[in-house]
Amino acid sequence: MVCAARRPLVVSAEAVRNVAEVVEEESAERGIWATTGSFHPDAVIAAASLPELRLIDGGELRALVRAHLGTELGG
C-alpha cells in the first residue's frame, strides 16, 4: 500500500497511526507514506514501532527522485 501526500505541511502521528491501521486492515505486507513535507517527531516515533510502515519525507523523496530518475522533484 502506498500513501502519497503533496503538501508542505507536517504529517501528524495520528495520521500515521491511521494509515498503519489501514495497512493492517487490508492485510498489506508493507505500507509506504511519501510526502513532500515532513513528519512530526511523534509520527516518526509512532512509525518506529511499526516495521511494516515506511515513512519517506520530502528531503528523502527528493533524493530518491534525483538518484533514480535523474531529475528534480517539481514543487
N, C-alpha and C. Protein backbone atom coordinates (compact mmCIF):
# COMPACT_ATOMS: atom_id res chain seq x y z
N MET A 1 0.84 -1.16 0.00
CA MET A 1 0.00 0.00 0.00
C MET A 1 0.89 1.23 0.00
N VAL A 2 0.54 2.23 -0.79
CA VAL A 2 1.31 3.46 -0.86
C VAL A 2 0.39 4.63 -0.56
N CYS A 3 0.85 5.52 0.28
CA CYS A 3 0.14 6.76 0.57
C CYS A 3 1.08 7.90 0.21
N ALA A 4 0.62 8.80 -0.62
CA ALA A 4 1.46 9.93 -1.03
C ALA A 4 0.74 11.23 -0.69
N ALA A 5 1.51 12.20 -0.22
CA ALA A 5 0.93 13.49 0.14
C ALA A 5 1.81 14.60 -0.40
N ARG A 6 1.23 15.43 -1.24
CA ARG A 6 1.99 16.57 -1.76
C ARG A 6 1.55 17.80 -0.98
N ARG A 7 2.30 18.08 0.03
CA ARG A 7 1.98 19.22 0.86
C ARG A 7 3.23 19.64 1.64
N PRO A 8 3.32 20.91 1.91
CA PRO A 8 4.47 21.38 2.67
C PRO A 8 4.24 21.26 4.18
N LEU A 9 3.14 20.68 4.56
CA LEU A 9 2.78 20.60 5.97
C LEU A 9 3.45 19.43 6.67
N VAL A 10 3.29 19.40 7.96
CA VAL A 10 3.83 18.33 8.79
C VAL A 10 2.74 17.28 8.97
N VAL A 11 3.08 16.02 8.71
CA VAL A 11 2.14 14.92 8.88
C VAL A 11 2.14 14.51 10.35
N SER A 12 0.96 14.40 10.92
CA SER A 12 0.83 14.12 12.36
C SER A 12 0.98 12.64 12.69
N ALA A 13 1.21 12.38 13.97
CA ALA A 13 1.29 11.00 14.46
C ALA A 13 -0.05 10.31 14.28
N GLU A 14 -1.14 11.02 14.50
CA GLU A 14 -2.47 10.44 14.34
C GLU A 14 -2.68 9.96 12.91
N ALA A 15 -2.27 10.77 11.94
CA ALA A 15 -2.41 10.39 10.53
C ALA A 15 -1.59 9.13 10.23
N VAL A 16 -0.39 9.05 10.77
CA VAL A 16 0.46 7.88 10.57
C VAL A 16 -0.17 6.64 11.19
N ARG A 17 -0.72 6.78 12.39
CA ARG A 17 -1.40 5.64 13.02
C ARG A 17 -2.61 5.20 12.21
N ASN A 18 -3.34 6.16 11.64
CA ASN A 18 -4.50 5.82 10.81
C ASN A 18 -4.08 5.02 9.58
N VAL A 19 -3.00 5.41 8.94
CA VAL A 19 -2.51 4.67 7.78
C VAL A 19 -2.03 3.28 8.20
N ALA A 20 -1.39 3.18 9.35
CA ALA A 20 -0.95 1.89 9.85
C ALA A 20 -2.14 0.96 10.07
N GLU A 21 -3.24 1.50 10.55
CA GLU A 21 -4.46 0.71 10.74
C GLU A 21 -4.99 0.19 9.39
N VAL A 22 -4.95 1.04 8.37
CA VAL A 22 -5.40 0.63 7.04
C VAL A 22 -4.51 -0.48 6.49
N VAL A 23 -3.21 -0.35 6.68
CA VAL A 23 -2.27 -1.39 6.23
C VAL A 23 -2.66 -2.72 6.88
N GLU A 24 -2.93 -2.68 8.17
CA GLU A 24 -3.31 -3.90 8.89
C GLU A 24 -4.66 -4.43 8.40
N GLU A 25 -5.65 -3.55 8.28
CA GLU A 25 -7.00 -3.97 7.86
C GLU A 25 -7.00 -4.57 6.46
N GLU A 26 -6.14 -4.05 5.59
CA GLU A 26 -6.07 -4.55 4.22
C GLU A 26 -5.13 -5.75 4.08
N SER A 27 -4.55 -6.18 5.19
CA SER A 27 -3.60 -7.29 5.21
C SER A 27 -2.43 -7.06 4.24
N ALA A 28 -2.03 -5.81 4.12
CA ALA A 28 -0.88 -5.47 3.27
C ALA A 28 0.40 -5.86 3.99
N GLU A 29 1.37 -6.35 3.23
CA GLU A 29 2.65 -6.71 3.84
C GLU A 29 3.40 -5.47 4.30
N ARG A 30 3.30 -4.40 3.50
CA ARG A 30 4.03 -3.16 3.78
C ARG A 30 3.18 -1.96 3.41
N GLY A 31 3.52 -0.86 4.03
CA GLY A 31 2.93 0.41 3.67
C GLY A 31 4.03 1.45 3.54
N ILE A 32 3.89 2.34 2.58
CA ILE A 32 4.86 3.42 2.38
C ILE A 32 4.09 4.72 2.35
N TRP A 33 4.53 5.68 3.14
CA TRP A 33 3.94 7.01 3.10
C TRP A 33 5.03 7.96 2.66
N ALA A 34 4.86 8.54 1.47
CA ALA A 34 5.80 9.51 0.95
C ALA A 34 5.12 10.88 0.94
N THR A 35 5.80 11.88 1.45
CA THR A 35 5.26 13.23 1.49
C THR A 35 6.31 14.22 1.01
N THR A 36 5.86 15.29 0.38
CA THR A 36 6.79 16.36 0.01
C THR A 36 7.08 17.24 1.22
N GLY A 37 6.32 17.06 2.27
CA GLY A 37 6.51 17.82 3.50
C GLY A 37 7.40 17.06 4.47
N SER A 38 6.98 17.02 5.72
CA SER A 38 7.75 16.33 6.75
C SER A 38 6.81 15.62 7.71
N PHE A 39 7.37 14.81 8.57
CA PHE A 39 6.61 14.10 9.58
C PHE A 39 6.91 14.70 10.94
N HIS A 40 5.88 14.88 11.74
CA HIS A 40 6.06 15.36 13.11
C HIS A 40 6.94 14.34 13.84
N PRO A 41 7.79 14.80 14.76
CA PRO A 41 8.63 13.85 15.52
C PRO A 41 7.83 12.72 16.16
N ASP A 42 6.63 13.01 16.65
CA ASP A 42 5.80 11.95 17.25
C ASP A 42 5.36 10.93 16.20
N ALA A 43 5.20 11.38 14.95
CA ALA A 43 4.84 10.46 13.86
C ALA A 43 6.00 9.52 13.58
N VAL A 44 7.20 10.05 13.60
CA VAL A 44 8.40 9.23 13.37
C VAL A 44 8.53 8.19 14.49
N ILE A 45 8.28 8.60 15.72
CA ILE A 45 8.33 7.69 16.86
C ILE A 45 7.27 6.60 16.71
N ALA A 46 6.06 7.00 16.33
CA ALA A 46 4.97 6.02 16.15
C ALA A 46 5.34 5.01 15.07
N ALA A 47 5.90 5.47 13.97
CA ALA A 47 6.25 4.58 12.86
C ALA A 47 7.41 3.66 13.23
N ALA A 48 8.26 4.08 14.14
CA ALA A 48 9.41 3.25 14.54
C ALA A 48 8.96 1.91 15.13
N SER A 49 7.78 1.89 15.71
CA SER A 49 7.27 0.65 16.30
C SER A 49 6.43 -0.15 15.30
N LEU A 50 6.40 0.31 14.05
CA LEU A 50 5.60 -0.34 13.01
C LEU A 50 6.51 -0.72 11.84
N PRO A 51 7.17 -1.86 11.92
CA PRO A 51 8.13 -2.23 10.87
C PRO A 51 7.51 -2.37 9.49
N GLU A 52 6.19 -2.54 9.44
CA GLU A 52 5.52 -2.68 8.15
C GLU A 52 5.25 -1.33 7.48
N LEU A 53 5.52 -0.23 8.17
CA LEU A 53 5.25 1.09 7.63
C LEU A 53 6.54 1.88 7.45
N ARG A 54 6.77 2.37 6.25
CA ARG A 54 7.98 3.14 5.92
C ARG A 54 7.58 4.57 5.61
N LEU A 55 8.20 5.52 6.29
CA LEU A 55 7.95 6.94 6.05
C LEU A 55 9.07 7.51 5.20
N ILE A 56 8.69 8.30 4.19
CA ILE A 56 9.66 8.99 3.33
C ILE A 56 9.28 10.46 3.31
N ASP A 57 10.13 11.30 3.91
CA ASP A 57 9.82 12.73 3.95
C ASP A 57 10.31 13.43 2.69
N GLY A 58 10.03 14.72 2.60
CA GLY A 58 10.35 15.48 1.40
C GLY A 58 11.82 15.44 1.01
N GLY A 59 12.71 15.54 1.97
CA GLY A 59 14.14 15.50 1.67
C GLY A 59 14.56 14.17 1.07
N GLU A 60 14.10 13.09 1.68
CA GLU A 60 14.44 11.76 1.17
C GLU A 60 13.77 11.51 -0.18
N LEU A 61 12.53 11.97 -0.33
CA LEU A 61 11.82 11.80 -1.60
C LEU A 61 12.54 12.52 -2.73
N ARG A 62 12.99 13.75 -2.47
CA ARG A 62 13.74 14.49 -3.49
C ARG A 62 15.03 13.77 -3.85
N ALA A 63 15.72 13.23 -2.84
CA ALA A 63 16.96 12.49 -3.09
C ALA A 63 16.71 11.23 -3.91
N LEU A 64 15.62 10.52 -3.61
CA LEU A 64 15.28 9.31 -4.36
C LEU A 64 14.96 9.64 -5.82
N VAL A 65 14.19 10.70 -6.03
CA VAL A 65 13.84 11.11 -7.40
C VAL A 65 15.11 11.49 -8.16
N ARG A 66 15.98 12.26 -7.52
CA ARG A 66 17.24 12.67 -8.15
C ARG A 66 18.09 11.45 -8.50
N ALA A 67 18.22 10.51 -7.55
CA ALA A 67 19.10 9.35 -7.74
C ALA A 67 18.55 8.37 -8.78
N HIS A 68 17.24 8.15 -8.78
CA HIS A 68 16.68 7.10 -9.63
C HIS A 68 16.06 7.61 -10.93
N LEU A 69 15.69 8.87 -10.96
CA LEU A 69 15.08 9.42 -12.17
C LEU A 69 15.95 10.48 -12.83
N GLY A 70 17.01 10.91 -12.14
CA GLY A 70 17.92 11.88 -12.71
C GLY A 70 17.32 13.25 -12.91
N THR A 71 16.34 13.60 -12.10
CA THR A 71 15.68 14.89 -12.23
C THR A 71 15.34 15.44 -10.85
N GLU A 72 14.89 16.65 -10.81
CA GLU A 72 14.47 17.26 -9.54
C GLU A 72 12.96 17.12 -9.39
N LEU A 73 12.53 16.98 -8.17
CA LEU A 73 11.11 16.91 -7.86
C LEU A 73 10.51 18.30 -8.03
N GLY A 74 9.48 18.40 -8.84
CA GLY A 74 8.81 19.70 -9.06
C GLY A 74 8.15 20.18 -7.79
N GLY A 75 8.02 21.47 -7.67
CA GLY A 75 7.47 21.96 -6.43
C GLY A 75 6.42 22.94 -6.62
